[in-house]
Amino acid sequence: MLKINNLSVSFGDHKVLKNLELGCSKGELHGVLGMNGSGKTTLFRTIYGFKKKDDGDCVFENEAISSRKIGFLETENYFYSYMKGQEYLDLLSGADSHFDIKKWNQIFDLPLNDLIDTYSTGMKKKIAFLGVMALDRPVIILDEPFNGVDVESNEKIFQILERLKEHGKVMLISSHILSSLTSICDKISFLKKGVISKTYQKEEFPLLESELREMVQKNINQTLNELL
């Protein structure tokens, strides 16, 4: 199990995460939903180790988690210049890996002999996703994995994540699009102003949708009444 205990993170004097608590079990896909600036990316980067925490613990299997246990798909992915798709996957999978690049690429049909610099935004997202698969880590963190990806590839990612649950992976995923999370997640935690305001079970997803809609309506109704 991945357990986040009392996690606090700041940028200068601004505290982004405040005593945050979160748990994710093996074989579970746990969604993190929040508005822009709510702290989703900061949370993920802190778990991975990119961002230093002020306080708290990120624990996996009763030990402080190491980045070597995590496959992390960032919102925007970095690639070395003049690197081909094949070279990128070779680098991440390693010489002793059982990751079959050719078979995995049958899913997305990427031009692996082309430079990644020539890829579209969606293709770069897909090659980065395959890179996470190549690492084969027990914990997978996906920050906005559906951004820039076409409808068919989104469905393929959905299907892959369902299979990974069967293999006992611990998975955290974020999205700005609620339907992307309600379609595949087992739980969804709503991150608001640096804290988890509530974690919704699958049977509570309609309640989450209703509460989110009411919150947005409350925020914009007066302005809309003046405009329309």
Protein backbone atom coordinates (compact mmCIF):
# COMPACT_ATOMS: atom_id res chain seq x y z
CA MET A 1 0.00 0.00 0.00
CA LEU A 2 1.07 3.56 -0.74
CA LYS A 3 0.36 5.85 2.22
CA ILE A 4 0.78 9.62 2.32
CA ASN A 5 0.87 10.88 5.90
CA ASN A 6 0.59 14.49 7.07
CA LEU A 7 2.27 15.80 3.90
CA SER A 8 3.01 19.53 3.73
CA VAL A 9 4.80 21.25 0.85
CA SER A 10 5.59 24.92 0.27
CA PHE A 11 6.86 27.20 -2.46
CA GLY A 12 8.52 29.99 -0.54
CA ASP A 13 5.99 31.33 1.94
CA HIS A 14 3.06 29.77 0.11
CA LYS A 15 1.97 26.39 1.48
CA VAL A 16 0.64 24.30 -1.44
CA LEU A 17 -0.12 21.04 0.41
CA LYS A 18 -1.31 21.14 4.00
CA ASN A 19 -1.11 18.04 6.20
CA LEU A 20 -2.42 15.93 3.32
CA GLU A 21 -3.48 12.32 3.92
CA LEU A 22 -3.98 9.77 1.12
CA GLY A 23 -3.86 6.01 0.74
CA CYS A 24 -3.80 3.76 -2.32
CA SER A 25 -3.87 -0.05 -2.22
CA LYS A 26 -2.45 -2.62 -4.61
CA GLY A 27 -4.70 -3.27 -7.57
CA GLU A 28 -6.36 0.12 -7.10
CA LEU A 29 -6.60 3.06 -9.45
CA HIS A 30 -7.00 6.15 -7.27
CA GLY A 31 -7.97 9.39 -8.98
CA VAL A 32 -6.97 12.85 -7.80
CA LEU A 33 -9.30 15.62 -8.97
CA GLY A 34 -8.86 19.33 -8.46
CA MET A 35 -8.96 22.74 -10.05
CA ASN A 36 -5.88 24.39 -11.56
CA GLY A 37 -3.48 25.29 -8.78
CA SER A 38 -5.02 22.89 -6.26
CA GLY A 39 -1.71 21.01 -5.85
CA LYS A 40 -2.16 17.83 -7.92
CA THR A 41 1.15 18.07 -9.75
CA THR A 42 2.96 19.19 -6.61
CA LEU A 43 1.61 16.14 -4.80
CA PHE A 44 2.80 13.76 -7.51
CA ARG A 45 6.23 15.41 -7.86
CA THR A 46 6.69 15.27 -4.09
CA ILE A 47 5.83 11.57 -3.91
CA TYR A 48 8.35 10.91 -6.68
CA GLY A 49 11.02 13.01 -4.98
CA PHE A 50 11.31 15.94 -7.39
CA LYS A 51 9.93 18.35 -4.79
CA LYS A 52 11.17 18.56 -1.20
CA LYS A 53 8.48 18.24 1.46
CA ASP A 54 8.22 20.39 4.55
CA ASP A 55 6.78 17.63 6.67
CA GLY A 56 5.14 14.20 6.45
CA ASP A 57 5.92 10.84 4.91
CA CYS A 58 5.36 8.98 1.65
CA VAL A 59 5.46 5.29 2.53
CA PHE A 60 5.25 2.20 0.34
CA GLU A 61 5.24 -1.27 1.89
CA ASN A 62 6.21 0.19 5.28
CA GLU A 63 9.29 2.01 3.94
CA ALA A 64 9.93 5.54 2.72
CA ILE A 65 9.23 5.32 -0.99
CA SER A 66 12.06 5.57 -3.49
CA SER A 67 11.76 6.89 -7.04
CA ARG A 68 13.04 3.48 -8.15
CA LYS A 69 9.65 2.07 -7.12
CA ILE A 70 7.72 4.58 -9.24
CA GLY A 71 6.89 4.94 -12.91
CA PHE A 72 5.98 8.62 -13.27
CA LEU A 73 4.24 10.09 -16.31
CA GLU A 74 4.47 13.87 -16.00
CA THR A 75 2.07 16.32 -17.58
CA GLU A 76 4.81 17.51 -19.92
CA ASN A 77 7.51 15.02 -20.76
CA TYR A 78 11.18 15.70 -21.43
CA PHE A 79 13.04 13.92 -24.21
CA TYR A 80 16.66 14.18 -25.23
CA SER A 81 17.17 15.89 -28.58
CA TYR A 82 17.96 13.65 -31.54
CA MET A 83 16.64 10.55 -29.78
CA LYS A 84 14.47 8.09 -31.66
CA GLY A 85 11.44 6.41 -30.15
CA GLN A 86 13.18 3.02 -30.23
CA GLU A 87 16.22 4.41 -28.44
CA TYR A 88 14.03 5.97 -25.75
CA LEU A 89 12.26 2.69 -24.99
CA ASP A 90 15.53 0.74 -25.14
CA LEU A 91 17.00 3.12 -22.57
CA LEU A 92 14.09 2.77 -20.14
CA SER A 93 13.53 -0.96 -20.50
CA GLY A 94 17.20 -1.92 -20.08
CA ALA A 95 19.16 -4.81 -21.51
CA ASP A 96 17.70 -7.46 -19.18
CA SER A 97 14.09 -6.37 -19.49
CA HIS A 98 11.25 -8.63 -20.64
CA PHE A 99 9.47 -5.57 -22.09
CA ASP A 100 8.62 -6.43 -25.70
CA ILE A 101 8.84 -3.08 -27.47
CA LYS A 102 7.54 -4.36 -30.77
CA LYS A 103 4.43 -5.95 -29.25
CA TRP A 104 3.68 -3.00 -27.00
CA ASN A 105 3.98 -0.64 -29.94
CA GLN A 106 1.34 -2.62 -31.80
CA ILE A 107 -1.11 -0.84 -29.48
CA PHE A 108 -0.16 2.72 -30.51
CA ASP A 109 1.69 2.13 -33.82
CA LEU A 110 4.29 4.84 -33.22
CA PRO A 111 7.09 5.48 -35.77
CA LEU A 112 9.86 4.29 -33.46
CA ASN A 113 12.60 4.88 -36.03
CA ASP A 114 11.73 8.59 -36.23
CA LEU A 115 13.12 11.28 -33.94
CA ILE A 116 10.82 12.03 -31.01
CA ASP A 117 11.30 15.73 -31.81
CA THR A 118 9.16 15.15 -34.91
CA TYR A 119 6.29 13.57 -32.95
CA SER A 120 2.98 15.34 -32.37
CA THR A 121 1.86 16.20 -28.82
CA GLY A 122 -0.29 13.07 -28.67
CA MET A 123 2.50 10.83 -29.97
CA LYS A 124 4.91 12.20 -27.37
CA LYS A 125 2.37 11.42 -24.65
CA LYS A 126 2.01 7.86 -25.95
CA ILE A 127 5.77 7.20 -26.17
CA ALA A 128 6.13 8.55 -22.61
CA PHE A 129 3.32 6.25 -21.46
CA LEU A 130 5.08 3.28 -23.08
CA GLY A 131 8.22 4.38 -21.25
CA VAL A 132 6.38 4.06 -17.94
CA MET A 133 5.25 0.58 -18.97
CA ALA A 134 8.84 -0.31 -19.85
CA LEU A 135 10.03 0.61 -16.35
CA ASP A 136 7.58 -1.91 -14.84
CA ARG A 137 7.53 -0.30 -11.38
CA PRO A 138 5.08 -1.35 -8.62
CA VAL A 139 3.76 2.22 -8.24
CA ILE A 140 2.50 4.17 -11.25
CA ILE A 141 1.73 7.90 -11.13
CA LEU A 142 0.01 9.43 -14.15
CA ASP A 143 -0.38 13.21 -14.22
CA GLU A 144 -2.97 14.18 -16.87
CA PRO A 145 -2.25 11.15 -19.11
CA PHE A 146 -5.14 11.94 -21.49
CA ASN A 147 -4.05 15.46 -22.44
CA GLY A 148 -3.51 15.76 -26.18
CA VAL A 149 -4.36 12.12 -26.85
CA ASP A 150 -7.04 11.12 -29.35
CA VAL A 151 -10.24 9.29 -28.35
CA GLU A 152 -9.08 5.88 -29.56
CA SER A 153 -5.78 6.10 -27.67
CA ASN A 154 -7.61 7.24 -24.53
CA GLU A 155 -9.66 4.06 -24.67
CA LYS A 156 -6.50 2.01 -25.16
CA ILE A 157 -4.96 3.61 -22.07
CA PHE A 158 -8.15 2.83 -20.15
CA GLN A 159 -7.86 -0.85 -21.14
CA ILE A 160 -4.17 -1.02 -20.19
CA LEU A 161 -4.86 0.49 -16.76
CA GLU A 162 -7.61 -2.05 -16.14
CA ARG A 163 -5.12 -4.85 -16.85
CA LEU A 164 -2.51 -3.26 -14.58
CA LYS A 165 -4.99 -3.34 -11.71
CA GLU A 166 -5.22 -7.10 -12.19
CA HIS A 167 -1.43 -7.24 -11.80
CA GLY A 168 -1.56 -5.51 -8.43
CA LYS A 169 -0.11 -2.14 -9.42
CA VAL A 170 -0.64 0.83 -7.12
CA MET A 171 -1.81 3.68 -9.35
CA LEU A 172 -2.48 7.36 -8.85
CA ILE A 173 -3.95 9.37 -11.72
CA SER A 174 -5.05 12.96 -12.17
CA SER A 175 -7.26 14.63 -14.72
CA HIS A 176 -9.09 17.91 -15.19
CA ILE A 177 -11.88 15.95 -16.88
CA LEU A 178 -14.13 14.27 -14.33
CA SER A 179 -15.51 11.68 -16.76
CA SER A 180 -11.99 10.40 -17.45
CA LEU A 181 -11.66 9.51 -13.78
CA THR A 182 -15.16 8.21 -13.11
CA SER A 183 -14.80 5.83 -16.07
CA ILE A 184 -11.84 3.92 -14.65
CA CYS A 185 -11.07 4.84 -11.03
CA ASP A 186 -11.94 2.84 -7.93
CA LYS A 187 -11.77 5.96 -5.74
CA ILE A 188 -11.46 9.68 -6.39
CA SER A 189 -10.02 12.16 -3.92
CA PHE A 190 -10.97 15.81 -4.36
CA LEU A 191 -7.99 18.07 -3.74
CA LYS A 192 -8.97 21.60 -2.76
CA LYS A 193 -6.62 24.31 -1.52
CA GLY A 194 -3.92 21.82 -0.64
CA VAL A 195 -6.00 19.30 1.30
CA ILE A 196 -8.10 16.28 0.40
CA SER A 197 -11.60 17.56 1.12
CA LYS A 198 -13.17 14.14 0.56
CA THR A 199 -12.47 10.73 -0.97
CA TYR A 200 -15.36 9.27 -2.94
CA GLN A 201 -15.96 5.54 -3.41
CA LYS A 202 -17.13 4.32 -6.81
CA GLU A 203 -20.76 4.22 -5.72
CA GLU A 204 -20.44 7.88 -4.67
CA PHE A 205 -19.24 9.16 -8.06
CA PRO A 206 -22.73 10.49 -8.99
CA LEU A 207 -22.65 12.49 -5.75
CA LEU A 208 -19.24 13.90 -6.69
CA GLU A 209 -20.56 14.95 -10.10
CA SER A 210 -23.59 16.60 -8.51
CA GLU A 211 -21.54 18.45 -5.87
CA LEU A 212 -19.04 19.67 -8.46
CA ARG A 213 -21.81 20.94 -10.73
CA GLU A 214 -23.50 22.76 -7.84
CA MET A 215 -20.20 24.34 -6.79
CA VAL A 216 -19.54 25.66 -10.31
CA GLN A 217 -23.10 26.93 -10.67
CA LYS A 218 -22.84 28.79 -7.38
CA ASN A 219 -19.61 30.45 -8.52
CA ILE A 220 -20.83 31.68 -11.91
CA ASN A 221 -24.62 32.07 -11.68
CA GLN A 222 -24.60 35.72 -10.65
CA THR A 223 -22.21 36.64 -13.46
CA LEU A 224 -24.17 34.63 -16.02
CA ASN A 225 -27.40 36.32 -14.92
CA GLU A 226 -25.80 39.68 -15.66
CA LEU A 227 -24.46 38.58 -19.03
CA LEU A 228 -27.17 36.33 -20.48
